[in-house]
Protein backbone atom coordinates (compact mmCIF):
# COMPACT_ATOMS: atom_id res chain seq x y z
CA MET A 1 85.54 110.37 125.93
CA ASP A 2 88.07 109.59 128.63
CA ASP A 3 85.52 110.77 131.20
CA PHE A 4 82.92 108.19 130.12
CA LYS A 5 82.63 104.43 129.89
CA ILE A 6 80.30 102.94 127.26
CA ILE A 7 77.88 100.50 128.90
CA GLU A 8 75.79 99.45 125.90
CA LYS A 9 74.61 100.56 122.49
CA LEU A 10 71.00 101.75 122.58
CA GLY A 11 70.41 102.25 118.88
CA ASP A 12 71.43 103.62 115.52
CA GLY A 13 69.98 106.47 113.52
CA ALA A 14 70.66 107.46 109.94
CA TYR A 15 73.68 109.56 110.96
CA SER A 16 74.37 108.65 114.55
CA SER A 17 74.62 105.98 117.23
CA VAL A 18 73.33 106.30 120.78
CA TYR A 19 74.96 104.65 123.78
CA LYS A 20 74.26 104.32 127.47
CA VAL A 21 77.39 105.61 129.21
CA LYS A 22 78.61 106.03 132.76
CA ARG A 23 80.55 109.11 133.76
CA ILE A 24 83.63 107.83 135.60
CA GLU A 25 83.81 110.78 138.01
CA ASP A 26 80.40 110.23 139.64
CA SER A 27 79.09 106.89 138.21
CA GLN A 28 76.00 108.64 136.78
CA HIS A 29 74.39 107.20 133.64
CA TYR A 30 73.80 109.32 130.55
CA ALA A 31 72.89 108.89 126.90
CA LEU A 32 75.70 109.62 124.44
CA LYS A 33 74.79 110.44 120.87
CA LYS A 34 77.78 110.15 118.52
CA VAL A 35 77.39 111.89 115.18
CA ASN A 36 80.18 111.43 112.64
CA ILE A 37 79.94 115.00 111.40
CA PHE A 38 82.71 114.79 108.83
CA ASN A 39 80.75 112.33 106.68
CA LEU A 40 77.69 114.58 106.65
CA SER A 41 76.50 117.18 104.22
CA GLU A 42 76.53 120.82 105.33
CA LYS A 43 72.78 120.66 106.09
CA GLU A 44 73.12 117.43 108.10
CA ARG A 45 76.02 118.96 110.05
CA GLU A 46 73.90 122.01 110.80
CA ASN A 47 71.09 119.70 112.05
CA ALA A 48 73.49 118.03 114.47
CA LEU A 49 74.71 121.36 115.87
CA ASN A 50 71.14 122.63 115.95
CA GLU A 51 70.17 119.71 118.21
CA VAL A 52 72.78 120.85 120.73
CA ARG A 53 71.43 124.42 120.64
CA ILE A 54 67.81 123.29 121.06
CA LEU A 55 68.57 120.86 123.90
CA ALA A 56 70.67 123.46 125.70
CA SER A 57 67.92 126.10 125.46
CA CYS A 58 65.07 124.01 126.89
CA GLN A 59 64.80 123.37 130.62
CA ASN A 60 61.70 121.21 131.14
CA LYS A 61 61.28 117.90 132.94
CA ASN A 62 59.46 116.48 129.89
CA VAL A 63 62.28 117.20 127.45
CA ILE A 64 65.56 115.26 127.47
CA SER A 65 68.07 117.50 129.21
CA TYR A 66 71.38 118.48 127.71
CA LYS A 67 74.57 117.96 129.72
CA GLU A 68 77.52 118.71 127.43
CA ALA A 69 78.91 118.31 123.92
CA PHE A 70 82.40 117.86 122.55
CA ILE A 71 84.27 116.65 119.48
CA GLU A 72 85.98 113.29 119.76
CA SER A 73 88.98 113.61 117.46
CA GLU A 74 89.66 109.87 117.31
CA SER A 75 86.35 109.12 115.55
CA ASN A 76 85.70 112.60 114.12
CA SER A 77 82.39 112.62 115.97
CA LEU A 78 80.27 115.21 117.68
CA CYS A 79 79.40 113.70 121.06
CA ILE A 80 76.25 114.93 122.78
CA ILE A 81 75.81 113.90 126.40
CA MET A 82 72.16 113.92 127.47
CA GLU A 83 69.92 112.74 130.24
CA TYR A 84 69.37 108.97 130.14
CA ALA A 85 65.71 107.91 130.27
CA ASN A 86 66.06 104.59 132.05
CA ASN A 87 63.11 102.78 130.52
CA LYS A 88 62.05 102.40 126.92
CA ASP A 89 60.50 104.63 124.32
CA LEU A 90 56.75 104.89 123.75
CA TYR A 91 56.98 102.87 120.53
CA GLN A 92 58.53 99.93 122.42
CA LEU A 93 55.83 100.19 125.10
CA ILE A 94 53.09 100.06 122.44
CA ILE A 95 54.74 97.03 120.76
CA GLU A 96 54.95 95.20 124.10
CA HIS A 97 51.23 95.71 124.71
CA THR A 98 50.42 94.65 121.15
CA LYS A 99 52.43 91.42 121.49
CA ARG A 100 50.61 90.61 124.73
CA LYS A 101 47.29 91.53 123.07
CA GLU A 102 46.65 93.98 125.88
CA HIS A 103 45.38 97.52 125.86
CA MET A 104 47.25 100.17 127.78
CA LYS A 105 45.36 101.43 130.81
CA GLU A 106 43.45 104.59 130.02
CA ASN A 107 44.94 106.38 133.05
CA ASP A 108 48.46 105.57 131.78
CA ILE A 109 47.58 106.89 128.32
CA TRP A 110 46.31 110.17 129.80
CA TYR A 111 49.33 110.42 132.10
CA ILE A 112 51.71 110.00 129.15
CA LEU A 113 49.70 112.27 126.83
CA ILE A 114 49.60 115.15 129.32
CA GLN A 115 53.37 114.98 129.76
CA ILE A 116 53.96 114.94 126.00
CA VAL A 117 51.81 118.07 125.70
CA ARG A 118 53.74 119.75 128.55
CA GLY A 119 57.07 118.99 126.87
CA MET A 120 55.76 120.18 123.51
CA LYS A 121 54.39 123.39 125.09
CA SER A 122 57.79 124.14 126.62
CA LEU A 123 59.35 123.87 123.13
CA HIS A 124 56.59 125.95 121.53
CA ASP A 125 56.96 128.62 124.23
CA LEU A 126 60.58 128.95 123.04
CA ASN A 127 59.34 129.22 119.42
CA ILE A 128 60.74 125.74 118.66
CA MET A 129 58.92 123.17 116.53
CA HIS A 130 59.91 119.54 117.21
CA ARG A 131 59.07 118.49 113.61
CA ASP A 132 59.62 114.76 114.22
CA LEU A 133 57.27 113.94 117.05
CA LYS A 134 56.58 110.20 117.02
CA SER A 135 56.35 107.38 119.54
CA ALA A 136 60.00 106.35 118.98
CA ASN A 137 61.14 109.87 119.99
CA ILE A 138 59.19 109.87 123.25
CA PHE A 139 61.34 108.34 125.96
CA LEU A 140 60.16 107.06 129.35
CA THR A 141 61.73 106.68 132.76
CA GLU A 142 60.90 103.79 135.09
CA ASP A 143 58.41 106.12 136.82
CA LEU A 144 56.66 106.76 133.45
CA ILE A 145 58.03 110.30 133.23
CA VAL A 146 57.95 111.34 129.56
CA LYS A 147 61.02 112.87 127.91
CA LEU A 148 60.75 114.28 124.37
CA GLY A 149 63.97 113.64 122.50
CA ASP A 150 65.73 113.41 119.14
CA MET A 151 65.66 117.08 118.25
CA ASN A 152 67.98 116.96 115.26
CA VAL A 153 65.33 118.32 112.85
CA SER A 154 63.71 120.69 115.36
CA ARG A 155 63.74 124.34 114.31
CA MET A 156 62.87 127.81 115.48
CA ALA A 157 59.85 129.22 113.68
CA ASP A 158 60.29 132.38 111.62
CA LYS A 159 58.77 135.75 112.63
CA GLN A 160 55.36 134.65 111.34
CA GLY A 161 55.58 131.41 113.37
CA LEU A 162 56.17 129.29 110.27
CA ASN A 163 58.60 126.71 108.91
CA TYR A 164 58.92 125.66 105.29
CA THR A 165 61.16 122.60 105.03
CA GLN A 166 59.59 119.21 104.43
CA THR A 167 61.12 117.01 107.13
CA GLY A 168 60.36 114.42 109.80
CA THR A 169 58.87 110.94 109.54
CA PRO A 170 56.29 110.76 106.73
CA TYR A 171 53.76 108.63 108.65
CA TYR A 172 53.52 111.33 111.33
CA ALA A 173 53.74 114.38 109.05
CA SER A 174 50.87 116.84 108.80
CA PRO A 175 49.13 117.51 105.45
CA GLU A 176 50.93 120.86 105.14
CA VAL A 177 54.30 119.17 105.41
CA TRP A 178 53.26 116.50 102.88
CA LYS A 179 52.13 119.22 100.46
CA ASP A 180 55.41 121.09 100.97
CA LYS A 181 53.54 124.19 102.20
CA PRO A 182 54.42 126.50 105.10
CA TYR A 183 53.36 125.09 108.46
CA ASP A 184 53.16 126.23 112.06
CA PHE A 185 53.05 124.71 115.56
CA LYS A 186 49.79 122.94 114.69
CA SER A 187 51.90 120.53 112.64
CA ASP A 188 53.43 119.16 115.88
CA ILE A 189 49.89 118.77 117.25
CA TRP A 190 48.98 116.73 114.16
CA SER A 191 51.98 114.47 114.81
CA LEU A 192 50.90 114.06 118.42
CA GLY A 193 47.46 112.91 117.24
């Protein structure tokens, strides 16, 4: 952590906190996800380490890029340094339009949708299911470049292209996930819809 300066807290998850940080060496901004792994169950710990593996394996402009990870001994936290999307997430953008009683421009919707699909395809091409695709996990840059993020429940599909664990955000979950049945990549497509 000596290499980074915390600028601001961006949010809290169930097991982690995310910060905007500046790397002292080059003054570049990044997102830092701190996961206190020692207070987690074995499965939750595996999810945190899995996120590092998934982020490190995917090189696509529409997926948050991985920079580095390390253990901070002072706080017993896994620290994941990732690309910082310098705007908001899609959920915040939708809320802003709702508050102003405005519709998003159709061209902007298509522009965002196509990028989400490109990011999702890059994951699927690597046999990875996102499994928690929702507007709050779709980050935007100031240029409206989409970045899929929050991969802590993402998983590789088995040899048949299936997953079995019920996970993700219930409102966005496909019927197969709700029914606790095996599901495939189409489940991510359901969440996108």
